[in-house]
Protein backbone atom coordinates (compact mmCIF):
# COMPACT_ATOMS: atom_id res chain seq x y z
CA UNK A 1 0.00 0.00 0.00
CA UNK A 2 1.48 3.35 -0.96
CA UNK A 3 0.56 6.92 -0.07
CA UNK A 4 -1.80 7.35 -3.04
CA UNK A 5 -3.72 4.18 -2.02
CA UNK A 6 -4.00 5.48 1.54
CA UNK A 7 -5.24 8.88 0.38
CA UNK A 8 -7.84 7.22 -1.89
CA UNK A 9 -9.10 5.03 0.97
CA UNK A 10 -9.40 8.06 3.26
CA UNK A 11 -11.20 10.07 0.55
CA UNK A 12 -13.77 7.30 0.03
CA UNK A 13 -14.33 6.86 3.76
CA UNK A 14 -14.94 10.57 4.19
CA UNK A 15 -17.28 10.80 1.18
CA UNK A 16 -19.33 7.83 2.39
CA UNK A 17 -19.34 9.11 6.00
CA UNK A 18 -17.84 5.83 7.22
CA UNK A 19 -16.72 6.21 10.83
CA UNK A 20 -14.72 3.01 11.27
CA UNK A 21 -12.66 0.98 8.81
CA UNK A 22 -10.08 -1.77 9.12
CA UNK A 23 -7.90 -3.33 6.39
CA UNK A 24 -5.15 -5.94 6.59
CA UNK A 25 -3.01 -6.46 3.50
CA UNK A 26 0.44 -8.05 3.08
CA UNK A 27 1.04 -8.04 6.83
CA UNK A 28 0.14 -4.33 7.20
CA UNK A 29 -2.92 -3.49 9.28
CA UNK A 30 -4.70 -0.15 8.83
CA UNK A 31 -7.46 0.98 11.17
CA UNK A 32 -9.24 4.33 10.81
CA UNK A 33 -11.76 5.64 13.34
CA UNK A 34 -13.39 9.04 13.48
CA UNK A 35 -16.32 10.63 15.22
CA UNK A 36 -19.59 10.46 13.36
CA UNK A 37 -21.29 13.67 12.29
CA UNK A 38 -24.50 12.09 13.58
CA UNK A 39 -23.24 11.00 17.01
CA UNK A 40 -25.18 12.55 19.90
CA UNK A 41 -23.31 15.00 22.10
CA UNK A 42 -22.74 13.85 25.65
CA UNK A 43 -24.69 15.59 28.41
CA UNK A 44 -23.01 18.70 29.73
CA UNK A 45 -20.48 18.88 26.89
CA UNK A 46 -20.80 21.33 24.03
CA UNK A 47 -21.37 19.77 20.61
CA UNK A 48 -18.23 19.58 18.51
CA UNK A 49 -17.77 19.44 14.78
CA UNK A 50 -16.95 15.98 13.43
CA UNK A 51 -13.26 15.15 13.37
CA UNK A 52 -11.73 15.09 9.90
CA UNK A 53 -9.94 11.93 8.80
CA UNK A 54 -6.21 12.01 9.30
CA UNK A 55 -3.88 11.72 6.32
CA UNK A 56 -0.18 10.99 6.09
CA UNK A 57 0.45 14.72 6.42
CA UNK A 58 -1.77 14.96 9.49
CA UNK A 59 -2.24 18.21 11.28
CA UNK A 60 -0.05 18.48 14.34
CA UNK A 61 -1.65 18.61 17.76
CA UNK A 62 -1.97 22.08 19.22
CA UNK A 63 1.40 23.48 20.26
CA UNK A 64 1.85 24.42 23.91
CA UNK A 65 3.25 27.83 24.77
CA UNK A 66 5.72 27.61 27.67
CA UNK A 67 8.10 30.07 29.29
CA UNK A 68 10.96 28.91 27.04
CA UNK A 69 8.89 28.94 23.84
CA UNK A 70 6.34 26.89 21.94
CA UNK A 71 6.43 23.08 22.05
CA UNK A 72 6.22 21.42 18.63
CA UNK A 73 4.42 18.08 19.03
CA UNK A 74 4.39 14.93 16.93
CA UNK A 75 1.46 14.76 14.51
CA UNK A 76 1.82 10.97 14.12
CA UNK A 77 3.11 7.78 15.75
CA UNK A 78 6.46 6.61 14.43
CA UNK A 79 10.23 6.78 14.76
CA UNK A 80 11.94 10.18 15.18
CA UNK A 81 14.98 11.00 13.03
CA UNK A 82 17.01 14.22 13.31
CA UNK A 83 18.63 13.84 9.86
CA UNK A 84 17.69 12.43 6.45
CA UNK A 85 20.24 9.60 6.82
CA UNK A 86 22.85 8.47 9.36
CA UNK A 87 25.72 10.20 7.52
CA UNK A 88 24.02 13.61 7.22
CA UNK A 89 24.03 16.43 9.76
CA UNK A 90 20.81 17.00 11.74
CA UNK A 91 18.11 19.18 10.21
CA UNK A 92 18.26 21.49 13.26
CA UNK A 93 20.21 21.79 16.50
CA UNK A 94 19.68 23.78 19.69
CA UNK A 95 20.37 27.45 18.95
CA UNK A 96 19.45 27.22 15.25
CA UNK A 97 17.04 29.74 13.78
CA UNK A 98 14.25 28.17 11.73
CA UNK A 99 11.95 29.57 9.07
CA UNK A 100 8.34 28.65 8.31
CA UNK A 101 8.33 25.47 6.22
CA UNK A 102 11.87 24.44 7.20
CA UNK A 103 12.19 20.70 7.94
CA UNK A 104 12.78 20.05 11.65
CA UNK A 105 12.91 16.25 11.59
CA UNK A 106 11.52 13.12 9.95
CA UNK A 107 9.08 10.72 11.54
CA UNK A 108 8.98 7.29 9.91
CA UNK A 109 5.55 5.67 10.04
CA UNK A 110 4.61 2.51 8.16
CA UNK A 111 7.76 2.76 6.01
CA UNK A 112 6.84 6.32 4.97
CA UNK A 113 9.20 9.18 5.81
CA UNK A 114 7.16 12.18 6.97
CA UNK A 115 8.96 15.52 7.09
CA UNK A 116 7.87 17.65 10.05
CA UNK A 117 8.14 21.33 9.14
CA UNK A 118 8.26 24.47 11.26
CA UNK A 119 4.91 26.24 11.35
CA UNK A 120 6.47 29.48 12.59
CA UNK A 121 9.88 31.15 12.62
CA UNK A 122 12.00 31.09 15.74
CA UNK A 123 14.98 29.64 17.59
CA UNK A 124 15.25 25.99 18.66
CA UNK A 125 15.79 26.02 22.43
CA UNK A 126 15.29 22.32 23.23
CA UNK A 127 15.13 18.95 21.46
CA UNK A 128 12.97 16.58 23.52
CA UNK A 129 13.59 13.31 21.63
CA UNK A 130 16.71 11.27 20.87
CA UNK A 131 17.47 10.20 17.30
CA UNK A 132 15.85 6.83 16.49
CA UNK A 133 13.45 7.02 19.45
CA UNK A 134 9.79 6.01 18.96
CA UNK A 135 7.26 8.83 19.41
CA UNK A 136 3.51 8.87 19.97
CA UNK A 137 0.92 11.31 18.69
CA UNK A 138 1.26 14.49 20.73
CA UNK A 139 4.74 13.82 22.13
CA UNK A 140 6.94 16.90 22.51
CA UNK A 141 9.60 17.05 19.78
CA UNK A 142 11.09 20.56 20.02
CA UNK A 143 10.69 23.75 21.97
CA UNK A 144 11.01 26.77 19.66
CA UNK A 145 11.11 30.38 20.85
CA UNK A 146 9.08 32.34 18.27
CA UNK A 147 10.96 35.11 16.46
C-alpha atoms as a PDB file:
ATOM      1  CA  UNK A   1       0.000   0.000   0.000  1.00  0.00           C
ATOM      2  CA  UNK A   2       1.481   3.345  -0.963  1.00  0.00           C
ATOM      3  CA  UNK A   3       0.558   6.919  -0.071  1.00  0.00           C
ATOM      4  CA  UNK A   4      -1.800   7.345  -3.041  1.00  0.00           C
ATOM      5  CA  UNK A   5      -3.715   4.182  -2.015  1.00  0.00           C
ATOM      6  CA  UNK A   6      -4.003   5.485   1.542  1.00  0.00           C
ATOM      7  CA  UNK A   7      -5.242   8.884   0.378  1.00  0.00           C
ATOM      8  CA  UNK A   8      -7.837   7.223  -1.886  1.00  0.00           C
ATOM      9  CA  UNK A   9      -9.100   5.034   0.974  1.00  0.00           C
ATOM     10  CA  UNK A  10      -9.405   8.065   3.265  1.00  0.00           C
ATOM     11  CA  UNK A  11     -11.202  10.068   0.554  1.00  0.00           C
ATOM     12  CA  UNK A  12     -13.775   7.302   0.028  1.00  0.00           C
ATOM     13  CA  UNK A  13     -14.332   6.857   3.760  1.00  0.00           C
ATOM     14  CA  UNK A  14     -14.938  10.573   4.190  1.00  0.00           C
ATOM     15  CA  UNK A  15     -17.280  10.802   1.175  1.00  0.00           C
ATOM     16  CA  UNK A  16     -19.326   7.830   2.390  1.00  0.00           C
ATOM     17  CA  UNK A  17     -19.341   9.111   6.004  1.00  0.00           C
ATOM     18  CA  UNK A  18     -17.838   5.829   7.224  1.00  0.00           C
ATOM     19  CA  UNK A  19     -16.716   6.210  10.829  1.00  0.00           C
ATOM     20  CA  UNK A  20     -14.715   3.015  11.267  1.00  0.00           C
ATOM     21  CA  UNK A  21     -12.656   0.981   8.806  1.00  0.00           C
ATOM     22  CA  UNK A  22     -10.076  -1.775   9.116  1.00  0.00           C
ATOM     23  CA  UNK A  23      -7.899  -3.334   6.394  1.00  0.00           C
ATOM     24  CA  UNK A  24      -5.145  -5.942   6.591  1.00  0.00           C
ATOM     25  CA  UNK A  25      -3.007  -6.456   3.496  1.00  0.00           C
ATOM     26  CA  UNK A  26       0.435  -8.046   3.078  1.00  0.00           C
ATOM     27  CA  UNK A  27       1.044  -8.036   6.830  1.00  0.00           C
ATOM     28  CA  UNK A  28       0.141  -4.334   7.204  1.00  0.00           C
ATOM     29  CA  UNK A  29      -2.916  -3.490   9.276  1.00  0.00           C
ATOM     30  CA  UNK A  30      -4.703  -0.147   8.826  1.00  0.00           C
ATOM     31  CA  UNK A  31      -7.461   0.984  11.171  1.00  0.00           C
ATOM     32  CA  UNK A  32      -9.243   4.326  10.807  1.00  0.00           C
ATOM     33  CA  UNK A  33     -11.765   5.639  13.341  1.00  0.00           C
ATOM     34  CA  UNK A  34     -13.392   9.040  13.481  1.00  0.00           C
ATOM     35  CA  UNK A  35     -16.324  10.627  15.219  1.00  0.00           C
ATOM     36  CA  UNK A  36     -19.592  10.463  13.361  1.00  0.00           C
ATOM     37  CA  UNK A  37     -21.288  13.668  12.285  1.00  0.00           C
ATOM     38  CA  UNK A  38     -24.496  12.093  13.582  1.00  0.00           C
ATOM     39  CA  UNK A  39     -23.243  10.997  17.011  1.00  0.00           C
ATOM     40  CA  UNK A  40     -25.181  12.549  19.896  1.00  0.00           C
ATOM     41  CA  UNK A  41     -23.313  15.003  22.100  1.00  0.00           C
ATOM     42  CA  UNK A  42     -22.744  13.854  25.654  1.00  0.00           C
ATOM     43  CA  UNK A  43     -24.690  15.591  28.406  1.00  0.00           C
ATOM     44  CA  UNK A  44     -23.007  18.698  29.733  1.00  0.00           C
ATOM     45  CA  UNK A  45     -20.484  18.882  26.889  1.00  0.00           C
ATOM     46  CA  UNK A  46     -20.798  21.327  24.026  1.00  0.00           C
ATOM     47  CA  UNK A  47     -21.371  19.771  20.610  1.00  0.00           C
ATOM     48  CA  UNK A  48     -18.229  19.581  18.513  1.00  0.00           C
ATOM     49  CA  UNK A  49     -17.769  19.443  14.779  1.00  0.00           C
ATOM     50  CA  UNK A  50     -16.947  15.981  13.427  1.00  0.00           C
ATOM     51  CA  UNK A  51     -13.258  15.155  13.374  1.00  0.00           C
ATOM     52  CA  UNK A  52     -11.730  15.091   9.897  1.00  0.00           C
ATOM     53  CA  UNK A  53      -9.941  11.930   8.803  1.00  0.00           C
ATOM     54  CA  UNK A  54      -6.210  12.007   9.296  1.00  0.00           C
ATOM     55  CA  UNK A  55      -3.884  11.719   6.325  1.00  0.00           C
ATOM     56  CA  UNK A  56      -0.180  10.985   6.095  1.00  0.00           C
ATOM     57  CA  UNK A  57       0.448  14.720   6.425  1.00  0.00           C
ATOM     58  CA  UNK A  58      -1.773  14.957   9.487  1.00  0.00           C
ATOM     59  CA  UNK A  59      -2.242  18.209  11.281  1.00  0.00           C
ATOM     60  CA  UNK A  60      -0.051  18.476  14.337  1.00  0.00           C
ATOM     61  CA  UNK A  61      -1.652  18.613  17.758  1.00  0.00           C
ATOM     62  CA  UNK A  62      -1.968  22.081  19.217  1.00  0.00           C
ATOM     63  CA  UNK A  63       1.402  23.475  20.259  1.00  0.00           C
ATOM     64  CA  UNK A  64       1.852  24.416  23.913  1.00  0.00           C
ATOM     65  CA  UNK A  65       3.253  27.825  24.774  1.00  0.00           C
ATOM     66  CA  UNK A  66       5.716  27.615  27.667  1.00  0.00           C
ATOM     67  CA  UNK A  67       8.103  30.065  29.295  1.00  0.00           C
ATOM     68  CA  UNK A  68      10.957  28.914  27.035  1.00  0.00           C
ATOM     69  CA  UNK A  69       8.892  28.945  23.845  1.00  0.00           C
ATOM     70  CA  UNK A  70       6.345  26.891  21.939  1.00  0.00           C
ATOM     71  CA  UNK A  71       6.432  23.082  22.049  1.00  0.00           C
ATOM     72  CA  UNK A  72       6.222  21.422  18.633  1.00  0.00           C
ATOM     73  CA  UNK A  73       4.421  18.083  19.034  1.00  0.00           C
ATOM     74  CA  UNK A  74       4.394  14.929  16.932  1.00  0.00           C
ATOM     75  CA  UNK A  75       1.456  14.757  14.513  1.00  0.00           C
ATOM     76  CA  UNK A  76       1.817  10.966  14.123  1.00  0.00           C
ATOM     77  CA  UNK A  77       3.109   7.784  15.753  1.00  0.00           C
ATOM     78  CA  UNK A  78       6.458   6.612  14.430  1.00  0.00           C
ATOM     79  CA  UNK A  79      10.234   6.781  14.762  1.00  0.00           C
ATOM     80  CA  UNK A  80      11.937  10.177  15.179  1.00  0.00           C
ATOM     81  CA  UNK A  81      14.982  11.004  13.032  1.00  0.00           C
ATOM     82  CA  UNK A  82      17.009  14.223  13.307  1.00  0.00           C
ATOM     83  CA  UNK A  83      18.631  13.836   9.860  1.00  0.00           C
ATOM     84  CA  UNK A  84      17.691  12.434   6.446  1.00  0.00           C
ATOM     85  CA  UNK A  85      20.240   9.601   6.819  1.00  0.00           C
ATOM     86  CA  UNK A  86      22.850   8.469   9.365  1.00  0.00           C
ATOM     87  CA  UNK A  87      25.721  10.197   7.517  1.00  0.00           C
ATOM     88  CA  UNK A  88      24.024  13.608   7.222  1.00  0.00           C
ATOM     89  CA  UNK A  89      24.030  16.430   9.761  1.00  0.00           C
ATOM     90  CA  UNK A  90      20.811  17.000  11.742  1.00  0.00           C
ATOM     91  CA  UNK A  91      18.106  19.183  10.208  1.00  0.00           C
ATOM     92  CA  UNK A  92      18.262  21.488  13.256  1.00  0.00           C
ATOM     93  CA  UNK A  93      20.205  21.787  16.505  1.00  0.00           C
ATOM     94  CA  UNK A  94      19.682  23.780  19.695  1.00  0.00           C
ATOM     95  CA  UNK A  95      20.369  27.453  18.951  1.00  0.00           C
ATOM     96  CA  UNK A  96      19.449  27.216  15.250  1.00  0.00           C
ATOM     97  CA  UNK A  97      17.036  29.740  13.781  1.00  0.00           C
ATOM     98  CA  UNK A  98      14.247  28.165  11.732  1.00  0.00           C
ATOM     99  CA  UNK A  99      11.946  29.566   9.070  1.00  0.00           C
ATOM    100  CA  UNK A 100       8.336  28.654   8.306  1.00  0.00           C
ATOM    101  CA  UNK A 101       8.326  25.473   6.221  1.00  0.00           C
ATOM    102  CA  UNK A 102      11.868  24.436   7.201  1.00  0.00           C
ATOM    103  CA  UNK A 103      12.194  20.703   7.944  1.00  0.00           C
ATOM    104  CA  UNK A 104      12.782  20.050  11.652  1.00  0.00           C
ATOM    105  CA  UNK A 105      12.905  16.246  11.587  1.00  0.00           C
ATOM    106  CA  UNK A 106      11.520  13.119   9.946  1.00  0.00           C
ATOM    107  CA  UNK A 107       9.076  10.716  11.536  1.00  0.00           C
ATOM    108  CA  UNK A 108       8.975   7.289   9.915  1.00  0.00           C
ATOM    109  CA  UNK A 109       5.553   5.674  10.040  1.00  0.00           C
ATOM    110  CA  UNK A 110       4.612   2.507   8.158  1.00  0.00           C
ATOM    111  CA  UNK A 111       7.763   2.758   6.007  1.00  0.00           C
ATOM    112  CA  UNK A 112       6.837   6.324   4.973  1.00  0.00           C
ATOM    113  CA  UNK A 113       9.204   9.177   5.806  1.00  0.00           C
ATOM    114  CA  UNK A 114       7.159  12.181   6.967  1.00  0.00           C
ATOM    115  CA  UNK A 115       8.965  15.522   7.093  1.00  0.00           C
ATOM    116  CA  UNK A 116       7.865  17.653  10.046  1.00  0.00           C
ATOM    117  CA  UNK A 117       8.143  21.331   9.135  1.00  0.00           C
ATOM    118  CA  UNK A 118       8.262  24.473  11.262  1.00  0.00           C
ATOM    119  CA  UNK A 119       4.911  26.240  11.354  1.00  0.00           C
ATOM    120  CA  UNK A 120       6.473  29.477  12.595  1.00  0.00           C
ATOM    121  CA  UNK A 121       9.884  31.152  12.616  1.00  0.00           C
ATOM    122  CA  UNK A 122      12.003  31.092  15.741  1.00  0.00           C
ATOM    123  CA  UNK A 123      14.977  29.642  17.593  1.00  0.00           C
ATOM    124  CA  UNK A 124      15.248  25.991  18.664  1.00  0.00           C
ATOM    125  CA  UNK A 125      15.795  26.015  22.428  1.00  0.00           C
ATOM    126  CA  UNK A 126      15.294  22.320  23.228  1.00  0.00           C
ATOM    127  CA  UNK A 127      15.130  18.948  21.458  1.00  0.00           C
ATOM    128  CA  UNK A 128      12.967  16.581  23.523  1.00  0.00           C
ATOM    129  CA  UNK A 129      13.592  13.312  21.626  1.00  0.00           C
ATOM    130  CA  UNK A 130      16.714  11.269  20.874  1.00  0.00           C
ATOM    131  CA  UNK A 131      17.471  10.198  17.304  1.00  0.00           C
ATOM    132  CA  UNK A 132      15.848   6.835  16.491  1.00  0.00           C
ATOM    133  CA  UNK A 133      13.453   7.015  19.447  1.00  0.00           C
ATOM    134  CA  UNK A 134       9.790   6.013  18.962  1.00  0.00           C
ATOM    135  CA  UNK A 135       7.257   8.828  19.412  1.00  0.00           C
ATOM    136  CA  UNK A 136       3.513   8.869  19.972  1.00  0.00           C
ATOM    137  CA  UNK A 137       0.921  11.307  18.687  1.00  0.00           C
ATOM    138  CA  UNK A 138       1.264  14.494  20.726  1.00  0.00           C
ATOM    139  CA  UNK A 139       4.744  13.815  22.127  1.00  0.00           C
ATOM    140  CA  UNK A 140       6.935  16.898  22.515  1.00  0.00           C
ATOM    141  CA  UNK A 141       9.596  17.046  19.779  1.00  0.00           C
ATOM    142  CA  UNK A 142      11.090  20.559  20.024  1.00  0.00           C
ATOM    143  CA  UNK A 143      10.694  23.751  21.973  1.00  0.00           C
ATOM    144  CA  UNK A 144      11.010  26.769  19.662  1.00  0.00           C
ATOM    145  CA  UNK A 145      11.114  30.377  20.855  1.00  0.00           C
ATOM    146  CA  UNK A 146       9.083  32.336  18.268  1.00  0.00           C
ATOM    147  CA  UNK A 147      10.962  35.111  16.461  1.00  0.00           C
END
